[in-house]
N, C-alpha and C. Protein backbone atom coordinates (compact mmCIF):
# COMPACT_ATOMS: atom_id res chain seq x y z
N SER A 1 62.64 90.00 101.90
CA SER A 1 64.36 89.69 101.77
C SER A 1 65.03 91.02 101.24
N ASN A 2 66.32 91.05 101.35
CA ASN A 2 66.97 92.18 100.97
C ASN A 2 67.49 91.92 99.44
N PRO A 3 67.08 93.04 98.65
CA PRO A 3 67.50 93.01 97.29
C PRO A 3 69.18 93.13 97.12
N LEU A 4 69.59 92.70 96.14
CA LEU A 4 71.06 92.93 95.74
C LEU A 4 71.32 92.87 94.16
N VAL A 5 71.67 94.09 93.73
CA VAL A 5 71.85 94.18 92.23
C VAL A 5 73.18 93.81 91.92
N LEU A 6 73.53 93.01 90.88
CA LEU A 6 74.88 92.46 90.50
C LEU A 6 75.08 92.83 89.11
N PRO A 7 75.83 93.67 88.86
CA PRO A 7 76.42 94.10 87.64
C PRO A 7 77.80 93.25 87.49
N HIS A 8 77.92 92.67 86.18
CA HIS A 8 78.98 91.73 85.84
C HIS A 8 80.06 92.22 85.29
N GLY A 9 81.22 91.64 84.93
CA GLY A 9 82.16 91.96 84.16
C GLY A 9 82.29 92.04 82.81
N PHE A 10 83.31 92.60 82.11
CA PHE A 10 83.47 92.60 80.75
C PHE A 10 83.44 91.15 80.40
N THR A 11 82.75 90.87 79.15
CA THR A 11 82.48 89.46 78.55
C THR A 11 81.71 88.61 79.43
N GLY A 12 81.09 89.04 80.55
CA GLY A 12 80.22 88.26 81.20
C GLY A 12 78.58 88.53 80.95
N SER A 13 77.95 88.08 81.83
CA SER A 13 76.48 88.54 81.67
C SER A 13 75.81 88.19 82.89
N ALA A 14 74.57 88.29 83.05
CA ALA A 14 73.72 88.07 84.28
C ALA A 14 73.74 86.51 84.55
N ALA A 15 73.85 85.63 83.54
CA ALA A 15 74.02 84.28 83.62
C ALA A 15 75.38 83.91 84.20
N GLY A 16 76.22 84.70 84.23
CA GLY A 16 77.53 84.40 84.40
C GLY A 16 77.88 84.07 85.90
N TRP A 17 77.11 84.62 86.72
CA TRP A 17 77.35 84.45 88.26
C TRP A 17 77.24 83.13 88.69
N GLY A 18 76.43 82.22 88.00
CA GLY A 18 76.47 80.87 88.34
C GLY A 18 75.29 80.46 89.40
N ASP A 19 74.81 79.39 89.40
CA ASP A 19 73.71 78.98 90.18
C ASP A 19 73.96 78.97 91.57
N ARG A 20 75.25 78.43 92.07
CA ARG A 20 75.44 78.29 93.35
C ARG A 20 75.52 79.49 94.26
N PRO A 21 76.39 80.46 93.76
CA PRO A 21 76.39 81.71 94.36
C PRO A 21 75.00 82.27 94.49
N LEU A 22 74.16 82.38 93.65
CA LEU A 22 72.92 82.72 93.93
C LEU A 22 72.02 82.21 94.74
N GLU A 23 71.99 80.74 94.71
CA GLU A 23 71.29 80.05 95.72
C GLU A 23 71.69 80.39 97.22
N ALA A 24 73.03 80.43 97.31
CA ALA A 24 73.66 80.75 98.63
C ALA A 24 73.08 82.15 99.13
N LEU A 25 73.05 83.13 98.22
CA LEU A 25 72.60 84.34 98.66
C LEU A 25 70.94 84.24 99.02
N ARG A 26 70.22 83.49 98.18
CA ARG A 26 68.90 83.41 98.63
C ARG A 26 68.64 82.66 99.93
N ALA A 27 69.62 81.85 100.16
CA ALA A 27 69.57 80.94 101.52
C ALA A 27 69.74 81.95 102.70
N ALA A 28 70.43 83.07 102.38
CA ALA A 28 70.86 83.97 103.38
C ALA A 28 69.88 85.10 103.49
N ASP A 29 68.82 84.99 102.84
CA ASP A 29 67.59 85.98 102.93
C ASP A 29 67.98 87.20 102.12
N VAL A 30 68.84 86.99 101.02
CA VAL A 30 69.17 88.01 100.10
C VAL A 30 68.42 87.62 98.63
N ARG A 31 67.84 88.75 97.96
CA ARG A 31 67.22 88.46 96.82
C ARG A 31 68.03 89.07 95.69
N PRO A 32 69.08 88.01 94.99
CA PRO A 32 69.94 88.65 93.98
C PRO A 32 69.25 89.11 92.77
N ARG A 33 69.69 90.14 92.15
CA ARG A 33 69.11 90.67 90.80
C ARG A 33 70.21 90.75 89.92
N PRO A 34 70.56 89.62 89.34
CA PRO A 34 71.81 90.09 88.24
C PRO A 34 71.09 90.72 87.06
N VAL A 35 72.07 91.70 86.40
CA VAL A 35 71.70 92.41 85.36
C VAL A 35 72.64 92.24 84.15
N ASP A 36 72.01 92.19 83.05
CA ASP A 36 72.85 92.39 81.81
C ASP A 36 73.31 93.69 81.54
N LEU A 37 74.47 93.99 81.39
CA LEU A 37 74.92 95.33 81.00
C LEU A 37 74.87 95.58 79.49
N PRO A 38 74.78 96.88 78.96
CA PRO A 38 74.80 96.97 77.58
C PRO A 38 75.72 95.95 76.69
N GLY A 39 75.16 95.22 75.61
CA GLY A 39 76.07 94.57 74.92
C GLY A 39 76.32 93.42 75.36
N HIS A 40 75.75 92.69 76.49
CA HIS A 40 76.33 91.54 77.18
C HIS A 40 75.08 90.67 77.31
N GLY A 41 75.11 89.27 77.25
CA GLY A 41 74.10 88.54 77.49
C GLY A 41 72.89 88.63 76.64
N SER A 42 71.64 88.83 77.33
CA SER A 42 70.49 89.18 76.59
C SER A 42 70.63 90.15 75.61
N ARG A 43 71.47 91.24 75.83
CA ARG A 43 71.60 92.42 75.10
C ARG A 43 72.84 92.32 74.03
N ALA A 44 73.42 91.07 73.80
CA ALA A 44 74.18 90.85 72.79
C ALA A 44 73.81 91.46 71.45
N GLY A 45 74.59 92.22 70.75
CA GLY A 45 74.05 92.73 69.38
C GLY A 45 73.89 94.35 69.48
N GLU A 46 73.79 94.78 70.80
CA GLU A 46 73.83 96.21 70.90
C GLU A 46 75.06 96.84 70.49
N ALA A 47 75.07 97.83 69.81
CA ALA A 47 76.29 98.51 69.50
C ALA A 47 76.26 99.85 69.37
N ASP A 48 75.10 100.65 69.65
CA ASP A 48 74.94 102.11 69.58
C ASP A 48 75.78 102.69 70.73
N PRO A 49 76.80 103.46 70.23
CA PRO A 49 77.72 103.99 71.40
C PRO A 49 76.89 104.91 72.62
N ASP A 50 75.81 105.41 72.07
CA ASP A 50 74.92 106.11 73.17
C ASP A 50 74.56 105.11 74.26
N ARG A 51 74.41 103.85 73.99
CA ARG A 51 73.99 102.82 74.94
C ARG A 51 75.21 102.55 75.89
N PHE A 52 76.24 102.92 75.59
CA PHE A 52 77.61 102.50 76.25
C PHE A 52 78.33 103.82 77.07
N ARG A 53 77.51 104.95 77.04
CA ARG A 53 77.87 106.17 77.83
C ARG A 53 77.80 105.93 79.27
N LEU A 54 78.82 106.34 80.00
CA LEU A 54 78.63 106.26 81.38
C LEU A 54 77.35 106.79 81.96
N ASP A 55 76.93 107.82 81.67
CA ASP A 55 75.75 108.36 82.23
C ASP A 55 74.53 107.42 82.02
N SER A 56 74.30 106.93 80.82
CA SER A 56 73.26 105.95 80.37
C SER A 56 73.31 104.75 81.16
N VAL A 57 74.50 104.14 81.35
CA VAL A 57 74.72 102.90 82.06
C VAL A 57 74.38 103.07 83.74
N VAL A 58 74.88 104.16 84.10
CA VAL A 58 74.60 104.52 85.61
C VAL A 58 73.04 104.47 85.90
N ARG A 59 72.35 105.33 84.89
CA ARG A 59 70.84 105.45 85.02
C ARG A 59 70.23 103.93 84.96
N GLU A 60 70.89 103.22 84.11
CA GLU A 60 70.09 101.79 83.83
C GLU A 60 70.43 101.05 85.19
N ILE A 61 71.59 101.00 85.73
CA ILE A 61 71.83 100.24 86.95
C ILE A 61 71.02 100.94 88.12
N ALA A 62 70.95 102.15 88.19
CA ALA A 62 70.18 102.72 89.34
C ALA A 62 68.60 102.51 89.06
N SER A 63 68.12 102.15 87.80
CA SER A 63 66.82 101.84 87.74
C SER A 63 66.39 100.48 88.29
N GLU A 64 67.57 99.59 88.46
CA GLU A 64 67.16 98.09 88.97
C GLU A 64 67.13 98.32 90.55
N LEU A 65 67.77 99.29 91.15
CA LEU A 65 67.68 99.48 92.55
C LEU A 65 66.26 99.45 93.14
N GLY A 66 66.06 99.00 94.31
CA GLY A 66 64.75 98.89 94.84
C GLY A 66 64.14 100.22 95.29
N GLU A 67 62.97 100.16 95.89
CA GLU A 67 62.46 101.56 96.39
C GLU A 67 63.29 102.13 97.47
N GLY A 68 63.69 101.16 98.44
CA GLY A 68 64.42 101.72 99.57
C GLY A 68 65.86 101.49 99.12
N PRO A 69 67.04 101.86 99.90
CA PRO A 69 68.31 101.87 99.64
C PRO A 69 68.62 100.19 99.30
N THR A 70 69.33 100.10 98.32
CA THR A 70 69.59 98.69 97.76
C THR A 70 71.13 98.36 97.84
N ALA A 71 71.58 97.16 98.15
CA ALA A 71 73.05 96.85 97.95
C ALA A 71 73.32 96.44 96.75
N LEU A 72 74.69 96.56 96.14
CA LEU A 72 75.20 96.45 94.95
C LEU A 72 76.42 95.48 95.05
N LEU A 73 76.50 94.60 94.36
CA LEU A 73 77.74 93.63 94.12
C LEU A 73 78.38 93.76 92.77
N GLY A 74 79.42 94.37 92.44
CA GLY A 74 79.84 94.58 91.08
C GLY A 74 81.13 93.75 91.03
N TYR A 75 81.29 93.05 89.96
CA TYR A 75 82.63 92.35 89.64
C TYR A 75 83.31 93.09 88.51
N SER A 76 84.60 93.48 88.68
CA SER A 76 85.39 94.00 87.61
C SER A 76 84.84 95.37 87.05
N MET A 77 84.46 95.32 85.62
CA MET A 77 83.71 96.48 85.10
C MET A 77 82.46 96.73 85.86
N GLY A 78 81.68 95.77 86.31
CA GLY A 78 80.58 95.93 87.03
C GLY A 78 80.80 96.69 88.34
N GLY A 79 82.04 96.18 89.09
CA GLY A 79 82.19 96.90 90.25
C GLY A 79 82.61 98.42 90.02
N ARG A 80 83.29 98.62 88.98
CA ARG A 80 83.66 100.22 88.64
C ARG A 80 82.45 100.98 88.43
N LEU A 81 81.53 100.46 87.71
CA LEU A 81 80.10 101.09 87.60
C LEU A 81 79.58 101.18 88.84
N ALA A 82 79.44 100.20 89.54
CA ALA A 82 78.79 100.24 90.84
C ALA A 82 79.15 101.46 91.73
N LEU A 83 80.60 101.72 91.56
CA LEU A 83 81.24 102.91 92.42
C LEU A 83 80.42 104.20 91.79
N HIS A 84 80.43 104.08 90.56
CA HIS A 84 79.79 105.52 89.93
C HIS A 84 78.36 105.57 90.37
N VAL A 85 77.69 104.43 90.43
CA VAL A 85 76.40 104.53 90.80
C VAL A 85 76.16 105.07 92.34
N ALA A 86 77.02 104.46 93.17
CA ALA A 86 77.00 104.87 94.61
C ALA A 86 77.29 106.37 94.66
N LEU A 87 78.26 106.85 94.12
CA LEU A 87 78.55 108.35 94.24
C LEU A 87 77.61 109.25 93.54
N ARG A 88 76.67 108.86 92.60
CA ARG A 88 75.64 109.67 91.84
C ARG A 88 74.39 109.60 92.52
N HIS A 89 74.18 108.41 93.14
CA HIS A 89 72.89 108.17 93.99
C HIS A 89 73.16 107.56 95.36
N PRO A 90 73.83 108.50 96.24
CA PRO A 90 74.17 107.93 97.44
C PRO A 90 72.95 107.65 98.43
N ARG A 91 71.76 108.09 98.33
CA ARG A 91 70.73 107.77 99.06
C ARG A 91 70.00 106.49 98.71
N ARG A 92 70.18 105.95 97.44
CA ARG A 92 69.77 104.88 96.98
C ARG A 92 70.58 103.59 97.08
N VAL A 93 71.96 103.78 97.40
CA VAL A 93 72.58 102.50 97.69
C VAL A 93 72.88 102.29 99.11
N ARG A 94 72.60 101.10 99.69
CA ARG A 94 72.79 100.65 101.10
C ARG A 94 74.17 100.13 101.40
N ALA A 95 74.91 99.52 100.64
CA ALA A 95 76.18 98.93 100.71
C ALA A 95 76.70 98.43 99.40
N LEU A 96 78.15 98.37 99.39
CA LEU A 96 78.68 98.03 98.07
C LEU A 96 79.58 96.84 98.37
N VAL A 97 79.47 95.75 97.45
CA VAL A 97 80.54 94.79 97.40
C VAL A 97 81.37 95.08 96.01
N LEU A 98 82.67 95.14 96.25
CA LEU A 98 83.51 95.45 94.83
C LEU A 98 84.32 94.27 94.69
N GLU A 99 84.18 93.31 93.68
CA GLU A 99 84.96 92.14 93.63
C GLU A 99 85.90 92.32 92.33
N SER A 100 87.28 92.33 92.64
CA SER A 100 88.14 92.50 91.68
C SER A 100 87.85 93.88 90.73
N ALA A 101 87.62 94.83 91.38
CA ALA A 101 87.25 96.07 90.93
C ALA A 101 88.24 97.24 91.25
N SER A 102 88.17 98.22 90.47
CA SER A 102 89.13 99.30 90.74
C SER A 102 88.44 100.78 90.59
N PRO A 103 88.84 101.81 91.14
CA PRO A 103 88.08 103.12 90.89
C PRO A 103 88.40 103.75 89.53
N GLY A 104 89.41 103.05 88.78
CA GLY A 104 89.86 103.46 87.44
C GLY A 104 91.36 103.75 87.50
N LEU A 105 91.94 104.51 86.63
CA LEU A 105 93.36 104.88 86.50
C LEU A 105 93.38 106.22 87.05
N ALA A 106 94.40 106.72 87.80
CA ALA A 106 94.59 107.99 88.48
C ALA A 106 94.85 108.97 87.51
N THR A 107 95.76 108.70 86.51
CA THR A 107 96.26 109.96 85.60
C THR A 107 95.75 109.87 84.37
N ASP A 108 95.81 110.97 83.57
CA ASP A 108 95.48 111.21 82.02
C ASP A 108 96.46 110.33 81.48
N ALA A 109 97.64 110.19 81.55
CA ALA A 109 98.60 109.38 80.93
C ALA A 109 98.21 107.98 81.05
N GLU A 110 98.02 107.52 82.04
CA GLU A 110 97.51 106.05 82.28
C GLU A 110 96.18 105.73 81.61
N ARG A 111 95.33 106.69 81.81
CA ARG A 111 94.08 106.46 80.98
C ARG A 111 94.27 106.53 79.33
N SER A 112 95.17 107.32 78.97
CA SER A 112 95.29 107.38 77.50
C SER A 112 96.17 106.06 76.96
N ALA A 113 97.11 105.62 77.77
CA ALA A 113 97.70 104.57 77.39
C ALA A 113 96.94 103.33 77.38
N ARG A 114 95.89 103.15 78.24
CA ARG A 114 95.01 102.11 78.44
C ARG A 114 93.98 102.12 77.27
N ARG A 115 93.58 103.32 76.80
CA ARG A 115 92.66 103.49 75.76
C ARG A 115 93.37 102.97 74.47
N SER A 116 94.62 103.28 74.26
CA SER A 116 95.28 102.78 73.15
C SER A 116 95.38 101.30 73.20
N ALA A 117 95.65 100.81 74.26
CA ALA A 117 95.78 99.33 74.45
C ALA A 117 94.43 98.63 74.12
N ASP A 118 93.19 99.40 74.69
CA ASP A 118 92.23 98.83 74.47
C ASP A 118 91.62 98.85 73.17
N GLU A 119 91.91 99.90 72.43
CA GLU A 119 91.57 100.08 71.03
C GLU A 119 92.10 99.03 70.07
N ALA A 120 93.40 98.58 70.52
CA ALA A 120 94.12 97.49 69.77
C ALA A 120 93.39 96.29 69.94
N LEU A 121 93.06 96.11 71.21
CA LEU A 121 92.21 94.89 71.55
C LEU A 121 90.87 94.87 70.87
N THR A 122 90.29 96.00 70.80
CA THR A 122 88.86 96.20 70.18
C THR A 122 89.15 95.82 68.80
N ARG A 123 90.14 96.20 68.06
CA ARG A 123 90.24 95.96 66.58
C ARG A 123 90.55 94.39 66.44
N ARG A 124 91.16 93.74 67.29
CA ARG A 124 91.45 92.33 67.30
C ARG A 124 90.03 91.40 67.28
N ILE A 125 89.14 91.96 68.31
CA ILE A 125 87.83 91.52 68.66
C ILE A 125 86.96 91.55 67.14
N GLU A 126 87.25 92.73 66.52
CA GLU A 126 86.37 93.00 65.26
C GLU A 126 86.89 92.10 64.17
N THR A 127 88.28 92.05 64.02
CA THR A 127 88.83 91.22 62.98
C THR A 127 88.74 89.85 63.09
N GLU A 128 89.01 89.32 64.30
CA GLU A 128 89.23 87.82 64.51
C GLU A 128 87.95 87.25 65.11
N GLY A 129 87.11 88.01 65.57
CA GLY A 129 85.77 87.41 66.02
C GLY A 129 85.84 86.95 67.46
N VAL A 130 84.77 86.56 68.06
CA VAL A 130 84.53 86.40 69.64
C VAL A 130 85.52 85.24 70.01
N GLU A 131 85.36 84.22 69.32
CA GLU A 131 85.95 82.85 69.73
C GLU A 131 87.46 83.03 70.02
N ALA A 132 88.15 83.74 68.98
CA ALA A 132 89.66 83.98 68.82
C ALA A 132 89.89 84.80 70.27
N PHE A 133 89.04 85.65 70.37
CA PHE A 133 89.26 86.71 71.45
C PHE A 133 89.11 86.03 72.73
N VAL A 134 88.17 85.17 72.94
CA VAL A 134 87.81 84.57 74.16
C VAL A 134 88.96 83.35 74.36
N ASP A 135 89.59 82.71 73.43
CA ASP A 135 90.67 82.12 73.72
C ASP A 135 91.96 82.69 74.03
N GLY A 136 92.17 84.04 73.69
CA GLY A 136 93.22 84.68 74.33
C GLY A 136 92.98 85.22 75.63
N TRP A 137 91.73 85.68 75.87
CA TRP A 137 91.24 86.28 77.13
C TRP A 137 91.38 85.27 78.17
N GLU A 138 90.82 83.82 77.98
CA GLU A 138 90.93 82.79 78.94
C GLU A 138 92.53 82.34 79.13
N SER A 139 93.38 82.64 78.15
CA SER A 139 94.91 82.38 78.50
C SER A 139 95.64 83.38 79.32
N LEU A 140 95.08 84.49 79.63
CA LEU A 140 95.55 85.47 80.43
C LEU A 140 96.01 85.00 81.72
N PRO A 141 97.19 85.35 82.30
CA PRO A 141 97.59 84.70 83.70
C PRO A 141 96.49 85.12 84.74
N LEU A 142 95.75 86.16 84.73
CA LEU A 142 94.65 86.40 85.51
C LEU A 142 93.99 85.18 85.76
N PHE A 143 93.70 84.40 84.62
CA PHE A 143 92.68 83.24 84.72
C PHE A 143 93.45 81.89 85.08
N ALA A 144 94.67 81.97 85.19
CA ALA A 144 95.41 80.64 85.17
C ALA A 144 95.00 79.78 86.24
N SER A 145 94.56 80.16 87.50
CA SER A 145 93.75 79.30 88.43
C SER A 145 92.51 78.65 88.03
N HIS A 146 91.77 79.07 86.92
CA HIS A 146 90.54 78.52 86.59
C HIS A 146 91.02 77.02 86.06
N ALA A 147 92.14 76.83 85.78
CA ALA A 147 92.58 75.36 85.28
C ALA A 147 92.09 74.32 86.20
N SER A 148 92.06 74.72 87.51
CA SER A 148 91.70 73.79 88.67
C SER A 148 90.23 73.62 88.93
N LEU A 149 89.38 74.35 88.23
CA LEU A 149 88.08 74.50 88.28
C LEU A 149 87.51 73.19 87.63
N PRO A 150 86.27 72.54 88.10
CA PRO A 150 85.66 71.39 87.35
C PRO A 150 85.52 71.77 85.94
N ALA A 151 85.61 70.90 85.04
CA ALA A 151 85.45 71.06 83.62
C ALA A 151 84.05 71.69 83.29
N GLU A 152 83.07 71.20 83.98
CA GLU A 152 81.86 71.64 83.51
C GLU A 152 81.58 73.17 84.02
N GLU A 153 82.28 73.75 85.06
CA GLU A 153 82.32 75.06 85.45
C GLU A 153 82.98 75.94 84.50
N ARG A 154 84.10 75.50 83.94
CA ARG A 154 84.87 75.99 82.95
C ARG A 154 84.30 76.10 81.70
N ALA A 155 83.47 75.13 81.33
CA ALA A 155 82.57 75.08 80.10
C ALA A 155 81.52 76.22 80.25
N ALA A 156 80.96 76.38 81.31
CA ALA A 156 79.83 77.15 81.50
C ALA A 156 80.36 78.64 81.44
N LEU A 157 81.54 79.01 82.03
CA LEU A 157 82.11 80.32 81.95
C LEU A 157 82.45 80.59 80.40
N ARG A 158 82.84 79.69 79.70
CA ARG A 158 83.03 79.93 78.29
C ARG A 158 82.04 80.05 77.41
N ARG A 159 80.77 79.31 77.78
CA ARG A 159 79.69 79.62 77.13
C ARG A 159 79.03 80.93 77.23
N VAL A 160 79.35 81.63 78.39
CA VAL A 160 78.75 82.85 78.75
C VAL A 160 79.56 83.88 77.73
N ARG A 161 80.97 83.80 77.78
CA ARG A 161 81.82 84.49 77.03
C ARG A 161 81.35 84.48 75.48
N LEU A 162 81.31 83.23 75.09
CA LEU A 162 81.07 83.07 73.28
C LEU A 162 79.62 83.58 73.14
N ALA A 163 78.78 83.74 74.09
CA ALA A 163 77.47 84.09 73.64
C ALA A 163 77.53 85.63 73.35
N ASN A 164 78.63 86.36 73.54
CA ASN A 164 78.74 87.74 73.20
C ASN A 164 78.97 87.77 71.57
N ASP A 165 78.95 89.28 71.45
CA ASP A 165 78.96 89.57 69.98
C ASP A 165 80.05 90.52 69.81
N ALA A 166 80.89 90.28 68.79
CA ALA A 166 82.11 91.11 68.65
C ALA A 166 81.85 92.56 68.72
N VAL A 167 80.75 92.94 67.92
CA VAL A 167 80.61 94.31 67.69
C VAL A 167 80.21 94.98 69.07
N SER A 168 79.39 94.24 69.84
CA SER A 168 78.99 94.79 71.07
C SER A 168 80.13 94.91 72.14
N LEU A 169 81.03 93.81 72.08
CA LEU A 169 82.12 93.86 73.06
C LEU A 169 83.08 95.07 72.71
N ALA A 170 83.30 95.37 71.40
CA ALA A 170 84.00 96.35 70.92
C ALA A 170 83.43 97.65 71.44
N ALA A 171 82.17 97.81 71.42
CA ALA A 171 81.47 98.90 71.90
C ALA A 171 81.69 99.15 73.38
N ALA A 172 81.60 98.14 73.99
CA ALA A 172 81.60 98.12 75.60
C ALA A 172 83.14 98.49 75.95
N LEU A 173 84.18 98.06 75.20
CA LEU A 173 85.40 98.31 75.65
C LEU A 173 85.75 99.88 75.39
N ARG A 174 85.11 100.35 74.18
CA ARG A 174 85.36 101.71 73.74
C ARG A 174 84.63 102.70 74.89
N GLY A 175 83.45 102.33 75.13
CA GLY A 175 82.63 103.31 76.15
C GLY A 175 83.06 103.00 77.60
N LEU A 176 83.14 101.84 78.02
CA LEU A 176 83.02 101.50 79.43
C LEU A 176 84.40 101.05 80.08
N GLY A 177 85.53 100.81 79.05
CA GLY A 177 86.70 100.44 79.61
C GLY A 177 87.37 101.07 80.40
N THR A 178 88.42 100.70 81.27
CA THR A 178 88.97 101.34 82.34
C THR A 178 89.62 102.70 81.86
N GLY A 179 90.11 102.77 80.67
CA GLY A 179 90.58 104.02 80.10
C GLY A 179 89.59 105.00 79.65
N ALA A 180 88.44 104.58 79.57
CA ALA A 180 87.48 105.59 79.01
C ALA A 180 86.72 106.10 80.26
N LEU A 181 86.73 105.66 81.21
CA LEU A 181 85.86 106.20 82.35
C LEU A 181 86.91 107.23 83.11
N PRO A 182 86.39 108.13 83.99
CA PRO A 182 87.15 109.05 84.93
C PRO A 182 87.34 108.41 86.06
N SER A 183 88.59 108.72 86.69
CA SER A 183 89.11 108.21 87.73
C SER A 183 88.29 108.46 89.13
N LEU A 184 88.06 107.59 89.91
CA LEU A 184 87.15 108.01 91.22
C LEU A 184 88.23 107.71 92.54
N TRP A 185 89.49 107.62 92.26
CA TRP A 185 90.49 107.57 93.29
C TRP A 185 90.28 108.73 94.30
N GLU A 186 89.99 109.95 93.78
CA GLU A 186 89.88 111.06 94.67
C GLU A 186 88.64 111.10 95.23
N ARG A 187 87.54 110.41 94.95
CA ARG A 187 86.18 110.38 95.58
C ARG A 187 85.97 109.26 96.49
N LEU A 188 86.87 108.41 96.68
CA LEU A 188 86.43 107.18 97.35
C LEU A 188 85.91 107.53 98.86
N GLU A 189 86.70 108.70 99.43
CA GLU A 189 86.14 109.05 100.77
C GLU A 189 84.68 109.58 100.87
N GLU A 190 84.00 109.89 99.70
CA GLU A 190 82.73 110.21 99.75
C GLU A 190 81.83 109.24 99.90
N VAL A 191 82.31 108.03 99.54
CA VAL A 191 81.34 106.61 99.62
C VAL A 191 80.94 106.60 101.15
N ASP A 192 79.72 106.64 101.62
CA ASP A 192 79.48 106.66 103.06
C ASP A 192 78.62 105.60 103.35
N VAL A 193 78.82 104.55 102.76
CA VAL A 193 78.13 103.36 103.15
C VAL A 193 79.07 102.23 103.40
N PRO A 194 78.67 100.90 104.02
CA PRO A 194 79.63 99.94 104.29
C PRO A 194 80.03 99.49 102.82
N VAL A 195 81.55 99.12 102.71
CA VAL A 195 82.04 98.60 101.59
C VAL A 195 82.76 97.41 101.82
N LEU A 196 82.52 96.25 101.00
CA LEU A 196 83.63 95.10 101.24
C LEU A 196 84.41 95.02 99.97
N VAL A 197 85.49 94.98 100.07
CA VAL A 197 86.38 94.81 98.93
C VAL A 197 87.05 93.53 98.75
N LEU A 198 86.82 92.63 97.71
CA LEU A 198 87.18 91.34 97.61
C LEU A 198 87.93 91.20 96.41
N ALA A 199 89.27 90.37 96.54
CA ALA A 199 89.97 89.84 95.46
C ALA A 199 90.27 88.60 95.59
N GLY A 200 90.73 87.78 94.58
CA GLY A 200 91.43 86.55 94.71
C GLY A 200 92.59 86.58 95.21
N ALA A 201 93.12 85.67 96.19
CA ALA A 201 94.29 85.69 96.92
C ALA A 201 95.53 85.68 95.86
N LEU A 202 95.36 84.98 94.51
CA LEU A 202 96.29 84.75 93.80
C LEU A 202 96.44 86.04 92.89
N ASP A 203 95.45 87.03 92.88
CA ASP A 203 95.39 88.06 91.97
C ASP A 203 96.11 89.11 92.75
N ARG A 204 97.62 89.26 92.65
CA ARG A 204 98.28 90.40 93.32
C ARG A 204 97.78 91.78 93.01
N LYS A 205 97.54 91.94 91.63
CA LYS A 205 97.30 93.22 91.18
C LYS A 205 96.10 93.68 91.85
N PHE A 206 94.99 93.00 92.02
CA PHE A 206 93.82 93.39 92.66
C PHE A 206 93.62 93.58 94.12
N VAL A 207 94.59 92.43 94.64
CA VAL A 207 94.78 92.56 96.18
C VAL A 207 95.31 93.95 96.48
N GLU A 208 96.30 94.36 95.71
CA GLU A 208 96.81 95.70 96.00
C GLU A 208 96.14 96.73 95.80
N ILE A 209 95.26 96.69 94.62
CA ILE A 209 94.38 97.79 94.40
C ILE A 209 93.36 97.96 95.50
N GLY A 210 92.91 96.70 95.93
CA GLY A 210 91.90 96.82 96.97
C GLY A 210 92.37 97.33 98.39
N GLU A 211 93.59 96.90 98.64
CA GLU A 211 94.12 97.54 99.87
C GLU A 211 94.22 99.07 99.83
N ARG A 212 94.80 99.54 98.70
CA ARG A 212 94.69 100.83 98.53
C ARG A 212 93.42 101.49 98.50
N MET A 213 92.45 100.90 98.02
CA MET A 213 91.06 101.49 98.23
C MET A 213 90.49 101.61 99.54
N ALA A 214 90.71 100.49 100.38
CA ALA A 214 90.30 100.22 101.64
C ALA A 214 90.89 101.39 102.46
N ASP A 215 92.26 101.69 102.16
CA ASP A 215 93.02 102.64 102.89
C ASP A 215 92.34 104.17 102.65
């Protein structure tokens, strides 16, 4: 079967993909390989800044790829990282699926502003703890449509988020946040494999980003 490596988003984990999507992939002769990014899931508690450096994380994800070219499906932060992997290891990536992901922020000013906003968020996580942060995170307009999910699915998503560690989430934002990583907008045309860009129809921001990426 065809391997598919799945890097998750910020506050997520390998477990956060849920059983149904993974079962559907297996039924389609795809072998999903969800990974825990530094500081998330089974790696909660990691806080060494070196573990959250882009070069280190790209190497880690690349090490999960199969012997032959392998497909990557990344969500949000995981999609951003998957793009970096594809550009650094073009012969090892067969295809990309980018879900609610972006190539980063195009200008130094945008990245600087985002780093400042993320640092404020980081301090909130460190002072208020994970549960207070998750309460705020889940109330973002981005997740408003989750109110229509079955209660058990909402509870499962919340459990994944609450399993994280404040120090690790802070380190992840500082090392891998959108403002911390270089922009890839000018390099998208170098990606020479099939790419599927996905965004929820209600998520206008990422619909627009996805359309720009596809162009």
